[in-house]
Amino acid sequence: MDIAKRFHQNPLLKPSDLQPGIEGMEITCFLNPGVFRFDGKTWLLLRVAERPVQKQGVISFPVYNKEGKIEVLSFDENDPELDASDPRVIGYAGQDYLTTMSYLRLVSSEDGIHFKEEPDYPPIFGKGALEAFGIEDCRVATTADGYYLTFTEVSSVAVGVGLIHTRDWKNYTRHGMIFPPHNKDCALFEEKINGKYFALHRPSSPELGGNYIWLAESPDRLHWGNHRCVATTRSDSWDCARVGAGAAPIRTEEGWLEIYHGADYQNRYCLGALLLDLNDPSKVIARSKAPIMEPTAPYEQTGFFGNVVFTNGHLVEGDTVTVYYGASDEVICGAEFSIGEILRSLKS
């Protein structure tokens, strides 16, 4: 039951629309932006993935070295120790690497459809050993004391959740890794509940358990505890392989509405919804039986990694939630939902 109203201008942004931000690289894809309002405009904090221009017979990809400089690693594509079967991950001699390096880049719009770069607001790059493979999939929580960015830190030793705070998008306070490996898909609630901060996150435990959505609470957004699982994968369903939080939960009269992503074993990504209790968000009131959005448009079915709709950013105005999402791990698109319609779909 796809109830998304896609923008007819989709895709809104594609890799050829911007110049590479890293010298000697090309933009491979745009992915899953964080979204916020600032200075009277709609802003996207894009995940931009770049790599060296590929030469025939050679697989090349960037990493940060121990000095914090970008270094390009290259391997013969016929090397028997090389596994390049996944467009996202390279395996070589027992070590995994990413085929691209991701960082975060700001674009703004007066109308929410036509976006342009703002040269006065520089990109956010990975920094330090725990971000040696880059930073990915940033959620932006807009709060009374500024903007809090939760994102995936990627390195050869771990995938975890980092936190950055800003008020002006020019000066940043980095708080390091707040959820340890293996963890990602962290969405902060934008207001306190009973005096505490809350977040959705996704630890992964493939040997026992799986890729599930968990809830945590904190006194300060830095130290997290009282972890509880709120949503698991469901067998024989559109979300049987993995689930993860989208953007900040939306307060409604009926509960906290969370738009989340789920994938099946064919790596087909769809969007669904969770409804959590207003006073105790560990209590799940309802959950989508069928997706509220599926990859049905051509630009959602083919691309760098096809059959994907994935969001971690939206804006709410009245009954309308405008979702900005990555399609096929390559382009950025927009769609609108009626909050009331989502809630009615949960009741049915």
C-alpha atoms as a PDB file:
ATOM      1  CA  MET A   1       0.000   0.000   0.000  1.00  0.00           C
ATOM      2  CA  ASP A   2       2.164   2.848  -1.285  1.00  0.00           C
ATOM      3  CA  ILE A   3       0.614   6.128  -0.063  1.00  0.00           C
ATOM      4  CA  ALA A   4       3.544   8.432  -0.903  1.00  0.00           C
ATOM      5  CA  LYS A   5       2.892  11.419  -3.160  1.00  0.00           C
ATOM      6  CA  ARG A   6       6.177  11.696  -5.036  1.00  0.00           C
ATOM      7  CA  PHE A   7       7.364  15.043  -6.361  1.00  0.00           C
ATOM      8  CA  HIS A   8       6.899  15.144 -10.111  1.00  0.00           C
ATOM      9  CA  GLN A   9      10.296  16.898 -10.294  1.00  0.00           C
ATOM     10  CA  ASN A  10      12.084  13.761  -8.986  1.00  0.00           C
ATOM     11  CA  PRO A  11      14.977  13.168  -8.886  1.00  0.00           C
ATOM     12  CA  LEU A  12      15.706  16.511  -7.234  1.00  0.00           C
ATOM     13  CA  LEU A  13      19.482  16.004  -7.151  1.00  0.00           C
ATOM     14  CA  LYS A  14      21.793  13.662  -9.038  1.00  0.00           C
ATOM     15  CA  PRO A  15      25.595  13.293  -8.916  1.00  0.00           C
ATOM     16  CA  SER A  16      26.210  15.434 -12.000  1.00  0.00           C
ATOM     17  CA  ASP A  17      24.541  18.424 -10.297  1.00  0.00           C
ATOM     18  CA  LEU A  18      27.548  19.105  -8.020  1.00  0.00           C
ATOM     19  CA  GLN A  19      31.302  19.166  -8.419  1.00  0.00           C
ATOM     20  CA  PRO A  20      33.379  16.681  -6.377  1.00  0.00           C
ATOM     21  CA  GLY A  21      34.451  17.945  -2.973  1.00  0.00           C
ATOM     22  CA  ILE A  22      37.621  15.852  -2.809  1.00  0.00           C
ATOM     23  CA  GLU A  23      40.431  16.612  -5.236  1.00  0.00           C
ATOM     24  CA  GLY A  24      40.952  13.878  -7.831  1.00  0.00           C
ATOM     25  CA  MET A  25      37.615  12.172  -7.112  1.00  0.00           C
ATOM     26  CA  GLU A  26      34.282  11.800  -8.865  1.00  0.00           C
ATOM     27  CA  ILE A  27      30.852  11.805  -7.225  1.00  0.00           C
ATOM     28  CA  THR A  28      29.407   8.310  -7.436  1.00  0.00           C
ATOM     29  CA  CYS A  29      26.139   8.891  -5.643  1.00  0.00           C
ATOM     30  CA  PHE A  30      24.053  10.996  -3.277  1.00  0.00           C
ATOM     31  CA  LEU A  31      22.383   9.261  -0.374  1.00  0.00           C
ATOM     32  CA  ASN A  32      19.850   9.816   2.399  1.00  0.00           C
ATOM     33  CA  PRO A  33      20.073  13.453   3.546  1.00  0.00           C
ATOM     34  CA  GLY A  34      19.416  14.892   6.953  1.00  0.00           C
ATOM     35  CA  VAL A  35      16.820  17.683   6.700  1.00  0.00           C
ATOM     36  CA  PHE A  36      16.245  20.900   8.654  1.00  0.00           C
ATOM     37  CA  ARG A  37      15.012  24.477   8.431  1.00  0.00           C
ATOM     38  CA  PHE A  38      17.532  27.291   8.869  1.00  0.00           C
ATOM     39  CA  ASP A  39      17.632  30.948   7.848  1.00  0.00           C
ATOM     40  CA  GLY A  40      14.163  30.658   6.317  1.00  0.00           C
ATOM     41  CA  LYS A  41      15.207  27.880   3.925  1.00  0.00           C
ATOM     42  CA  THR A  42      14.961  24.109   3.594  1.00  0.00           C
ATOM     43  CA  TRP A  43      18.367  22.472   3.904  1.00  0.00           C
ATOM     44  CA  LEU A  44      19.617  19.005   3.068  1.00  0.00           C
ATOM     45  CA  LEU A  45      22.729  17.566   4.646  1.00  0.00           C
ATOM     46  CA  LEU A  46      23.630  15.199   1.832  1.00  0.00           C
ATOM     47  CA  ARG A  47      25.699  12.094   2.180  1.00  0.00           C
ATOM     48  CA  VAL A  48      28.028  12.439  -0.821  1.00  0.00           C
ATOM     49  CA  ALA A  49      29.991   9.338  -1.850  1.00  0.00           C
ATOM     50  CA  GLU A  50      33.116   9.852  -3.964  1.00  0.00           C
ATOM     51  CA  ARG A  51      35.843   7.655  -5.420  1.00  0.00           C
ATOM     52  CA  PRO A  52      38.750   7.980  -7.869  1.00  0.00           C
ATOM     53  CA  VAL A  53      37.898   7.917 -11.567  1.00  0.00           C
ATOM     54  CA  GLN A  54      38.132   4.204 -12.333  1.00  0.00           C
ATOM     55  CA  LYS A  55      40.666   2.903 -14.821  1.00  0.00           C
ATOM     56  CA  GLN A  56      40.127  -0.226 -16.889  1.00  0.00           C
ATOM     57  CA  GLY A  57      41.326  -3.362 -15.139  1.00  0.00           C
ATOM     58  CA  VAL A  58      41.920  -1.596 -11.801  1.00  0.00           C
ATOM     59  CA  ILE A  59      39.724  -1.200  -8.707  1.00  0.00           C
ATOM     60  CA  SER A  60      40.547   1.998  -6.766  1.00  0.00           C
ATOM     61  CA  PHE A  61      39.025   3.461  -3.625  1.00  0.00           C
ATOM     62  CA  PRO A  62      39.929   6.132  -1.024  1.00  0.00           C
ATOM     63  CA  VAL A  63      40.687   5.835   2.704  1.00  0.00           C
ATOM     64  CA  TYR A  64      42.092   8.170   5.334  1.00  0.00           C
ATOM     65  CA  ASN A  65      45.591   7.106   6.359  1.00  0.00           C
ATOM     66  CA  LYS A  66      47.126   7.388   9.846  1.00  0.00           C
ATOM     67  CA  GLU A  67      48.091  10.999   9.161  1.00  0.00           C
ATOM     68  CA  GLY A  68      44.474  11.875   8.377  1.00  0.00           C
ATOM     69  CA  LYS A  69      45.180  12.360   4.669  1.00  0.00           C
ATOM     70  CA  ILE A  70      43.154  10.740   1.898  1.00  0.00           C
ATOM     71  CA  GLU A  71      45.046   7.875   0.295  1.00  0.00           C
ATOM     72  CA  VAL A  72      43.951   5.894  -2.766  1.00  0.00           C
ATOM     73  CA  LEU A  73      44.321   2.095  -2.711  1.00  0.00           C
ATOM     74  CA  SER A  74      44.360   0.260  -6.058  1.00  0.00           C
ATOM     75  CA  PHE A  75      44.161  -3.440  -6.901  1.00  0.00           C
ATOM     76  CA  ASP A  76      44.129  -5.427 -10.135  1.00  0.00           C
ATOM     77  CA  GLU A  77      40.544  -6.503 -10.728  1.00  0.00           C
ATOM     78  CA  ASN A  78      41.759 -10.026 -11.554  1.00  0.00           C
ATOM     79  CA  ASP A  79      43.653 -10.412  -8.277  1.00  0.00           C
ATOM     80  CA  PRO A  80      42.375 -13.689  -6.733  1.00  0.00           C
ATOM     81  CA  GLU A  81      42.327 -12.124  -3.268  1.00  0.00           C
ATOM     82  CA  LEU A  82      39.969  -9.351  -4.430  1.00  0.00           C
ATOM     83  CA  ASP A  83      36.180  -9.599  -3.987  1.00  0.00           C
ATOM     84  CA  ALA A  84      34.407  -6.763  -5.794  1.00  0.00           C
ATOM     85  CA  SER A  85      31.032  -8.487  -6.187  1.00  0.00           C
ATOM     86  CA  ASP A  86      29.216  -5.878  -4.052  1.00  0.00           C
ATOM     87  CA  PRO A  87      29.269  -2.310  -5.486  1.00  0.00           C
ATOM     88  CA  ARG A  88      29.400  -0.959  -1.919  1.00  0.00           C
ATOM     89  CA  VAL A  89      32.123  -3.068  -0.293  1.00  0.00           C
ATOM     90  CA  ILE A  90      35.539  -4.341  -1.398  1.00  0.00           C
ATOM     91  CA  GLY A  91      37.087  -7.407   0.187  1.00  0.00           C
ATOM     92  CA  TYR A  92      40.825  -7.943  -0.110  1.00  0.00           C
ATOM     93  CA  ALA A  93      42.979 -10.485   1.715  1.00  0.00           C
ATOM     94  CA  GLY A  94      40.482 -10.790   4.547  1.00  0.00           C
ATOM     95  CA  GLN A  95      40.045  -7.024   4.994  1.00  0.00           C
ATOM     96  CA  ASP A  96      36.883  -5.103   4.054  1.00  0.00           C
ATOM     97  CA  TYR A  97      36.907  -1.604   2.555  1.00  0.00           C
ATOM     98  CA  LEU A  98      34.245   0.704   1.166  1.00  0.00           C
ATOM     99  CA  THR A  99      34.263   1.354  -2.577  1.00  0.00           C
ATOM    100  CA  THR A 100      33.567   5.047  -1.909  1.00  0.00           C
ATOM    101  CA  MET A 101      34.266   7.635   0.766  1.00  0.00           C
ATOM    102  CA  SER A 102      31.287   9.515   2.164  1.00  0.00           C
ATOM    103  CA  TYR A 103      31.120  12.940   3.759  1.00  0.00           C
ATOM    104  CA  LEU A 104      28.315  15.432   4.475  1.00  0.00           C
ATOM    105  CA  ARG A 105      27.511  18.412   2.266  1.00  0.00           C
ATOM    106  CA  LEU A 106      24.997  21.249   2.677  1.00  0.00           C
ATOM    107  CA  VAL A 107      22.542  22.422   0.030  1.00  0.00           C
ATOM    108  CA  SER A 108      19.586  24.808   0.495  1.00  0.00           C
ATOM    109  CA  SER A 109      16.318  25.644  -1.197  1.00  0.00           C
ATOM    110  CA  GLU A 110      13.764  28.449  -1.118  1.00  0.00           C
ATOM    111  CA  ASP A 111      10.953  26.173  -2.319  1.00  0.00           C
ATOM    112  CA  GLY A 112      11.983  22.735  -1.086  1.00  0.00           C
ATOM    113  CA  ILE A 113      12.460  21.472  -4.637  1.00  0.00           C
ATOM    114  CA  HIS A 114      15.322  23.357  -6.294  1.00  0.00           C
ATOM    115  CA  PHE A 115      18.518  23.054  -4.236  1.00  0.00           C
ATOM    116  CA  LYS A 116      21.853  24.819  -4.543  1.00  0.00           C
ATOM    117  CA  GLU A 117      25.132  24.803  -2.673  1.00  0.00           C
ATOM    118  CA  GLU A 118      25.908  27.458  -0.084  1.00  0.00           C
ATOM    119  CA  PRO A 119      29.643  28.247  -0.370  1.00  0.00           C
ATOM    120  CA  ASP A 120      29.707  29.886   3.072  1.00  0.00           C
ATOM    121  CA  TYR A 121      28.775  26.561   4.702  1.00  0.00           C
ATOM    122  CA  PRO A 122      31.605  24.053   4.229  1.00  0.00           C
ATOM    123  CA  PRO A 123      31.223  20.262   4.050  1.00  0.00           C
ATOM    124  CA  ILE A 124      31.725  18.032   7.080  1.00  0.00           C
ATOM    125  CA  PHE A 125      34.418  15.400   6.519  1.00  0.00           C
ATOM    126  CA  GLY A 126      35.426  12.395   8.556  1.00  0.00           C
ATOM    127  CA  LYS A 127      38.028  13.013  11.218  1.00  0.00           C
ATOM    128  CA  GLY A 128      40.140  10.597  13.229  1.00  0.00           C
ATOM    129  CA  ALA A 129      40.747   6.856  13.169  1.00  0.00           C
ATOM    130  CA  LEU A 130      37.118   5.867  13.804  1.00  0.00           C
ATOM    131  CA  GLU A 131      36.006   7.799  10.691  1.00  0.00           C
ATOM    132  CA  ALA A 132      38.805   6.565   8.425  1.00  0.00           C
ATOM    133  CA  PHE A 133      36.315   5.230   5.854  1.00  0.00           C
ATOM    134  CA  GLY A 134      34.099   8.327   6.092  1.00  0.00           C
ATOM    135  CA  ILE A 135      30.832   9.403   7.726  1.00  0.00           C
ATOM    136  CA  GLU A 136      27.361   8.458   6.523  1.00  0.00           C
ATOM    137  CA  ASP A 137      23.584   8.836   6.801  1.00  0.00           C
ATOM    138  CA  CYS A 138      23.219  11.844   9.085  1.00  0.00           C
ATOM    139  CA  ARG A 139      20.002  12.547  10.973  1.00  0.00           C
ATOM    140  CA  VAL A 140      19.438  16.129  12.146  1.00  0.00           C
ATOM    141  CA  ALA A 141      17.457  16.739  15.343  1.00  0.00           C
ATOM    142  CA  THR A 142      16.229  20.334  15.639  1.00  0.00           C
ATOM    143  CA  THR A 143      16.020  21.246  19.322  1.00  0.00           C
ATOM    144  CA  ALA A 144      15.664  24.292  21.542  1.00  0.00           C
ATOM    145  CA  ASP A 145      19.454  24.418  22.017  1.00  0.00           C
ATOM    146  CA  GLY A 146      20.532  23.927  18.420  1.00  0.00           C
ATOM    147  CA  TYR A 147      20.971  21.114  15.950  1.00  0.00           C
ATOM    148  CA  TYR A 148      22.231  17.657  16.913  1.00  0.00           C
ATOM    149  CA  LEU A 149      23.685  15.475  14.170  1.00  0.00           C
ATOM    150  CA  THR A 150      23.795  11.701  14.608  1.00  0.00           C
ATOM    151  CA  PHE A 151      25.657   9.816  11.896  1.00  0.00           C
ATOM    152  CA  THR A 152      27.508   6.613  11.117  1.00  0.00           C
ATOM    153  CA  GLU A 153      31.250   6.557  11.733  1.00  0.00           C
ATOM    154  CA  VAL A 154      32.967   3.963   9.530  1.00  0.00           C
ATOM    155  CA  SER A 155      36.462   2.513   9.822  1.00  0.00           C
ATOM    156  CA  SER A 156      38.279  -0.796   9.403  1.00  0.00           C
ATOM    157  CA  VAL A 157      37.612  -1.669  13.046  1.00  0.00           C
ATOM    158  CA  ALA A 158      34.053  -0.517  13.601  1.00  0.00           C
ATOM    159  CA  VAL A 159      30.752   1.003  12.562  1.00  0.00           C
ATOM    160  CA  GLY A 160      29.305   3.201  15.309  1.00  0.00           C
ATOM    161  CA  VAL A 161      27.233   6.348  15.929  1.00  0.00           C
ATOM    162  CA  GLY A 162      28.845   9.778  16.226  1.00  0.00           C
ATOM    163  CA  LEU A 163      27.367  13.022  17.548  1.00  0.00           C
ATOM    164  CA  ILE A 164      27.978  16.627  16.473  1.00  0.00           C
ATOM    165  CA  HIS A 165      26.286  19.783  17.789  1.00  0.00           C
ATOM    166  CA  THR A 166      25.960  23.108  15.986  1.00  0.00           C
ATOM    167  CA  ARG A 167      23.916  26.281  16.219  1.00  0.00           C
ATOM    168  CA  ASP A 168      25.044  28.052  13.066  1.00  0.00           C
ATOM    169  CA  TRP A 169      26.261  25.309  10.666  1.00  0.00           C
ATOM    170  CA  LYS A 170      29.721  26.859  10.645  1.00  0.00           C
ATOM    171  CA  ASN A 171      31.036  25.945  14.094  1.00  0.00           C
ATOM    172  CA  TYR A 172      30.798  22.341  15.244  1.00  0.00           C
ATOM    173  CA  THR A 173      31.355  20.526  18.513  1.00  0.00           C
ATOM    174  CA  ARG A 174      32.268  16.873  17.973  1.00  0.00           C
ATOM    175  CA  HIS A 175      31.296  14.554  20.822  1.00  0.00           C
ATOM    176  CA  GLY A 176      32.806  11.349  19.425  1.00  0.00           C
ATOM    177  CA  MET A 177      31.125   7.943  19.308  1.00  0.00           C
ATOM    178  CA  ILE A 178      28.024   7.800  21.514  1.00  0.00           C
ATOM    179  CA  PHE A 179      26.801   4.308  20.510  1.00  0.00           C
ATOM    180  CA  PRO A 180      29.597   1.730  20.201  1.00  0.00           C
ATOM    181  CA  PRO A 181      29.995  -0.861  17.426  1.00  0.00           C
ATOM    182  CA  HIS A 182      28.180  -2.315  15.705  1.00  0.00           C
ATOM    183  CA  ASN A 183      25.521   0.397  15.618  1.00  0.00           C
ATOM    184  CA  LYS A 184      23.875   2.842  13.216  1.00  0.00           C
ATOM    185  CA  ASP A 185      20.497   4.353  12.231  1.00  0.00           C
ATOM    186  CA  CYS A 186      20.337   6.632  15.282  1.00  0.00           C
ATOM    187  CA  ALA A 187      17.448   9.126  15.460  1.00  0.00           C
ATOM    188  CA  LEU A 188      17.124  11.500  18.417  1.00  0.00           C
ATOM    189  CA  PHE A 189      13.729  12.581  19.721  1.00  0.00           C
ATOM    190  CA  GLU A 190      13.552  16.366  19.417  1.00  0.00           C
ATOM    191  CA  GLU A 191      12.136  16.954  22.903  1.00  0.00           C
ATOM    192  CA  LYS A 192      12.477  15.396  26.337  1.00  0.00           C
ATOM    193  CA  ILE A 193      10.024  12.835  27.687  1.00  0.00           C
ATOM    194  CA  ASN A 194       9.573  12.885  31.459  1.00  0.00           C
ATOM    195  CA  GLY A 195      12.811  14.840  31.826  1.00  0.00           C
ATOM    196  CA  LYS A 196      14.958  12.471  29.757  1.00  0.00           C
ATOM    197  CA  TYR A 197      16.372  12.414  26.234  1.00  0.00           C
ATOM    198  CA  PHE A 198      15.510   9.454  24.017  1.00  0.00           C
ATOM    199  CA  ALA A 199      16.951   7.948  20.853  1.00  0.00           C
ATOM    200  CA  LEU A 200      16.211   5.114  18.472  1.00  0.00           C
ATOM    201  CA  HIS A 201      19.268   3.151  17.357  1.00  0.00           C
ATOM    202  CA  ARG A 202      20.182  -0.148  15.743  1.00  0.00           C
ATOM    203  CA  PRO A 203      22.766  -2.447  17.259  1.00  0.00           C
ATOM    204  CA  SER A 204      23.466  -5.514  15.115  1.00  0.00           C
ATOM    205  CA  SER A 205      24.010  -9.012  16.443  1.00  0.00           C
ATOM    206  CA  PRO A 206      23.853 -11.496  13.559  1.00  0.00           C
ATOM    207  CA  GLU A 207      24.938 -14.473  15.676  1.00  0.00           C
ATOM    208  CA  LEU A 208      22.110 -14.021  18.180  1.00  0.00           C
ATOM    209  CA  GLY A 209      19.321 -11.592  17.391  1.00  0.00           C
ATOM    210  CA  GLY A 210      19.511  -9.407  14.299  1.00  0.00           C
ATOM    211  CA  ASN A 211      19.245  -5.896  12.900  1.00  0.00           C
ATOM    212  CA  TYR A 212      16.525  -4.476  15.145  1.00  0.00           C
ATOM    213  CA  ILE A 213      15.333  -1.036  16.311  1.00  0.00           C
ATOM    214  CA  TRP A 214      16.143  -0.258  19.942  1.00  0.00           C
ATOM    215  CA  LEU A 215      15.280   2.617  22.277  1.00  0.00           C
ATOM    216  CA  ALA A 216      17.736   4.252  24.688  1.00  0.00           C
ATOM    217  CA  GLU A 217      17.499   7.078  27.199  1.00  0.00           C
ATOM    218  CA  SER A 218      20.006   9.644  28.434  1.00  0.00           C
ATOM    219  CA  PRO A 219      20.392  12.554  30.881  1.00  0.00           C
ATOM    220  CA  ASP A 220      22.639  14.536  28.514  1.00  0.00           C
ATOM    221  CA  ARG A 221      22.603  12.975  24.976  1.00  0.00           C
ATOM    222  CA  LEU A 222      26.140  11.696  25.577  1.00  0.00           C
ATOM    223  CA  HIS A 223      25.642   8.805  28.009  1.00  0.00           C
ATOM    224  CA  TRP A 224      22.979   6.285  27.043  1.00  0.00           C
ATOM    225  CA  GLY A 225      21.360   3.418  28.911  1.00  0.00           C
ATOM    226  CA  ASN A 226      18.164   1.476  29.699  1.00  0.00           C
ATOM    227  CA  HIS A 227      18.242  -0.005  26.190  1.00  0.00           C
ATOM    228  CA  ARG A 228      15.079  -1.771  25.036  1.00  0.00           C
ATOM    229  CA  CYS A 229      14.203  -3.435  21.753  1.00  0.00           C
ATOM    230  CA  VAL A 230      11.060  -1.969  20.158  1.00  0.00           C
ATOM    231  CA  ALA A 231      10.934  -3.576  16.700  1.00  0.00           C
ATOM    232  CA  THR A 232      12.401  -6.769  15.258  1.00  0.00           C
ATOM    233  CA  THR A 233      12.436  -8.104  11.720  1.00  0.00           C
ATOM    234  CA  ARG A 234       9.423 -10.170  10.674  1.00  0.00           C
ATOM    235  CA  SER A 235       9.690 -13.425   8.747  1.00  0.00           C
ATOM    236  CA  ASP A 236       7.992 -13.620   5.336  1.00  0.00           C
ATOM    237  CA  SER A 237       7.545  -9.842   5.348  1.00  0.00           C
ATOM    238  CA  TRP A 238       8.885  -6.840   3.462  1.00  0.00           C
ATOM    239  CA  ASP A 239      11.106  -6.130   6.508  1.00  0.00           C
ATOM    240  CA  CYS A 240      12.369  -9.669   7.155  1.00  0.00           C
ATOM    241  CA  ALA A 241      16.128  -8.970   6.856  1.00  0.00           C
ATOM    242  CA  ARG A 242      16.709  -5.665   8.671  1.00  0.00           C
ATOM    243  CA  VAL A 243      14.928  -2.624  10.073  1.00  0.00           C
ATOM    244  CA  GLY A 244      16.232   0.788  11.112  1.00  0.00           C
ATOM    245  CA  ALA A 245      14.972   4.175  12.256  1.00  0.00           C
ATOM    246  CA  GLY A 246      14.457   7.058   9.858  1.00  0.00           C
ATOM    247  CA  ALA A 247      14.418  10.659  11.106  1.00  0.00           C
ATOM    248  CA  ALA A 248      13.304  12.066  14.473  1.00  0.00           C
ATOM    249  CA  PRO A 249       9.943  10.666  15.645  1.00  0.00           C
ATOM    250  CA  ILE A 250       6.969  12.957  15.014  1.00  0.00           C
ATOM    251  CA  ARG A 251       4.727  13.887  17.951  1.00  0.00           C
ATOM    252  CA  THR A 252       1.033  13.273  17.174  1.00  0.00           C
ATOM    253  CA  GLU A 253      -2.003  13.143  19.436  1.00  0.00           C
ATOM    254  CA  GLU A 254      -2.000   9.365  19.078  1.00  0.00           C
ATOM    255  CA  GLY A 255       1.681   8.777  19.803  1.00  0.00           C
ATOM    256  CA  TRP A 256       5.195   9.203  18.441  1.00  0.00           C
ATOM    257  CA  LEU A 257       5.123   8.399  14.728  1.00  0.00           C
ATOM    258  CA  GLU A 258       8.370   6.959  13.384  1.00  0.00           C
ATOM    259  CA  ILE A 259       8.887   6.392   9.668  1.00  0.00           C
ATOM    260  CA  TYR A 260      11.395   3.555   9.426  1.00  0.00           C
ATOM    261  CA  HIS A 261      13.075   1.510   6.699  1.00  0.00           C
ATOM    262  CA  GLY A 262      12.982  -2.225   6.250  1.00  0.00           C
ATOM    263  CA  ALA A 263      14.638  -4.579   3.797  1.00  0.00           C
ATOM    264  CA  ASP A 264      14.098  -8.158   2.686  1.00  0.00           C
ATOM    265  CA  TYR A 265      16.708 -10.777   1.794  1.00  0.00           C
ATOM    266  CA  GLN A 266      16.876  -9.441  -1.776  1.00  0.00           C
ATOM    267  CA  ASN A 267      17.979  -6.055  -0.351  1.00  0.00           C
ATOM    268  CA  ARG A 268      14.750  -4.369  -1.424  1.00  0.00           C
ATOM    269  CA  TYR A 269      14.260  -1.360   0.866  1.00  0.00           C
ATOM    270  CA  CYS A 270      10.814   0.055   1.698  1.00  0.00           C
ATOM    271  CA  LEU A 271       9.395   2.473   4.272  1.00  0.00           C
ATOM    272  CA  GLY A 272       6.938   1.689   7.033  1.00  0.00           C
ATOM    273  CA  ALA A 273       5.687   3.293  10.244  1.00  0.00           C
ATOM    274  CA  LEU A 274       5.786   2.644  13.970  1.00  0.00           C
ATOM    275  CA  LEU A 275       3.519   4.326  16.532  1.00  0.00           C
ATOM    276  CA  LEU A 276       5.036   4.617  20.018  1.00  0.00           C
ATOM    277  CA  ASP A 277       3.403   5.649  23.295  1.00  0.00           C
ATOM    278  CA  LEU A 278       3.814   9.376  24.066  1.00  0.00           C
ATOM    279  CA  ASN A 279       4.820   8.883  27.695  1.00  0.00           C
ATOM    280  CA  ASP A 280       6.668   5.578  27.311  1.00  0.00           C
ATOM    281  CA  PRO A 281       8.092   5.219  23.788  1.00  0.00           C
ATOM    282  CA  SER A 282       9.272   1.682  24.549  1.00  0.00           C
ATOM    283  CA  LYS A 283       5.605   0.670  24.110  1.00  0.00           C
ATOM    284  CA  VAL A 284       4.668   0.005  20.482  1.00  0.00           C
ATOM    285  CA  ILE A 285       1.033   0.862  19.789  1.00  0.00           C
ATOM    286  CA  ALA A 286       0.972  -0.096  16.114  1.00  0.00           C
ATOM    287  CA  ARG A 287       3.216  -1.015  13.184  1.00  0.00           C
ATOM    288  CA  SER A 288       2.775  -1.101   9.419  1.00  0.00           C
ATOM    289  CA  LYS A 289       1.813  -4.491   8.099  1.00  0.00           C
ATOM    290  CA  ALA A 290       2.485  -3.342   4.526  1.00  0.00           C
ATOM    291  CA  PRO A 291       4.952  -0.637   3.419  1.00  0.00           C
ATOM    292  CA  ILE A 292       3.765   2.946   3.127  1.00  0.00           C
ATOM    293  CA  MET A 293       6.309   3.441   0.332  1.00  0.00           C
ATOM    294  CA  GLU A 294       7.984   0.957  -2.010  1.00  0.00           C
ATOM    295  CA  PRO A 295      10.580   1.347  -4.800  1.00  0.00           C
ATOM    296  CA  THR A 296       8.184   1.540  -7.738  1.00  0.00           C
ATOM    297  CA  ALA A 297       9.447   4.516  -9.771  1.00  0.00           C
ATOM    298  CA  PRO A 298      12.187   3.860 -12.373  1.00  0.00           C
ATOM    299  CA  TYR A 299      14.698   6.044 -10.495  1.00  0.00           C
ATOM    300  CA  GLU A 300      14.027   3.955  -7.357  1.00  0.00           C
ATOM    301  CA  GLN A 301      14.491   0.624  -9.101  1.00  0.00           C
ATOM    302  CA  THR A 302      17.739   1.191 -11.001  1.00  0.00           C
ATOM    303  CA  GLY A 303      20.907   2.996  -9.960  1.00  0.00           C
ATOM    304  CA  PHE A 304      24.103   2.414  -8.000  1.00  0.00           C
ATOM    305  CA  PHE A 305      22.225  -0.105  -5.802  1.00  0.00           C
ATOM    306  CA  GLY A 306      18.689  -0.589  -7.087  1.00  0.00           C
ATOM    307  CA  ASN A 307      15.291  -1.192  -5.478  1.00  0.00           C
ATOM    308  CA  VAL A 308      15.902   1.199  -2.603  1.00  0.00           C
ATOM    309  CA  VAL A 309      13.900   3.976  -0.958  1.00  0.00           C
ATOM    310  CA  PHE A 310      15.627   5.128   2.235  1.00  0.00           C
ATOM    311  CA  THR A 311      15.010   8.201   4.367  1.00  0.00           C
ATOM    312  CA  ASN A 312      16.548   9.786   7.428  1.00  0.00           C
ATOM    313  CA  GLY A 313      15.176  13.302   6.960  1.00  0.00           C
ATOM    314  CA  HIS A 314      11.804  15.057   6.840  1.00  0.00           C
ATOM    315  CA  LEU A 315       9.947  18.269   7.626  1.00  0.00           C
ATOM    316  CA  VAL A 316       6.514  18.495   9.248  1.00  0.00           C
ATOM    317  CA  GLU A 317       3.914  21.169   8.607  1.00  0.00           C
ATOM    318  CA  GLY A 318       0.427  20.504   9.912  1.00  0.00           C
ATOM    319  CA  ASP A 319      -0.790  17.168   8.581  1.00  0.00           C
ATOM    320  CA  THR A 320       1.926  16.990   5.914  1.00  0.00           C
ATOM    321  CA  VAL A 321       5.303  15.345   6.371  1.00  0.00           C
ATOM    322  CA  THR A 322       7.675  16.048   3.491  1.00  0.00           C
ATOM    323  CA  VAL A 323      10.164  13.212   3.241  1.00  0.00           C
ATOM    324  CA  TYR A 324      13.473  13.595   1.428  1.00  0.00           C
ATOM    325  CA  TYR A 325      14.915  10.235   0.522  1.00  0.00           C
ATOM    326  CA  GLY A 326      17.670   8.468  -1.324  1.00  0.00           C
ATOM    327  CA  ALA A 327      16.602   6.373  -4.309  1.00  0.00           C
ATOM    328  CA  SER A 328      18.681   3.430  -5.533  1.00  0.00           C
ATOM    329  CA  ASP A 329      21.634   4.732  -3.506  1.00  0.00           C
ATOM    330  CA  GLU A 330      22.243   7.333  -6.209  1.00  0.00           C
ATOM    331  CA  VAL A 331      19.792  10.254  -6.379  1.00  0.00           C
ATOM    332  CA  ILE A 332      17.817  12.432  -3.954  1.00  0.00           C
ATOM    333  CA  CYS A 333      14.043  12.647  -4.209  1.00  0.00           C
ATOM    334  CA  GLY A 334      11.064  14.070  -2.347  1.00  0.00           C
ATOM    335  CA  ALA A 335       7.602  12.855  -1.400  1.00  0.00           C
ATOM    336  CA  GLU A 336       4.730  13.958   0.806  1.00  0.00           C
ATOM    337  CA  PHE A 337       2.618  11.933   3.197  1.00  0.00           C
ATOM    338  CA  SER A 338      -0.494  12.773   5.164  1.00  0.00           C
ATOM    339  CA  ILE A 339       0.167  12.030   8.819  1.00  0.00           C
ATOM    340  CA  GLY A 340      -3.512  11.243   9.259  1.00  0.00           C
ATOM    341  CA  GLU A 341      -3.391   8.772   6.373  1.00  0.00           C
ATOM    342  CA  ILE A 342      -0.367   7.018   7.871  1.00  0.00           C
ATOM    343  CA  LEU A 343      -2.135   6.751  11.230  1.00  0.00           C
ATOM    344  CA  ARG A 344      -5.267   5.389   9.560  1.00  0.00           C
ATOM    345  CA  SER A 345      -3.165   2.798   7.729  1.00  0.00           C
ATOM    346  CA  LEU A 346      -1.784   1.648  11.072  1.00  0.00           C
ATOM    347  CA  LYS A 347      -5.266   1.231  12.515  1.00  0.00           C
ATOM    348  CA  SER A 348      -6.352  -0.888   9.565  1.00  0.00           C
END
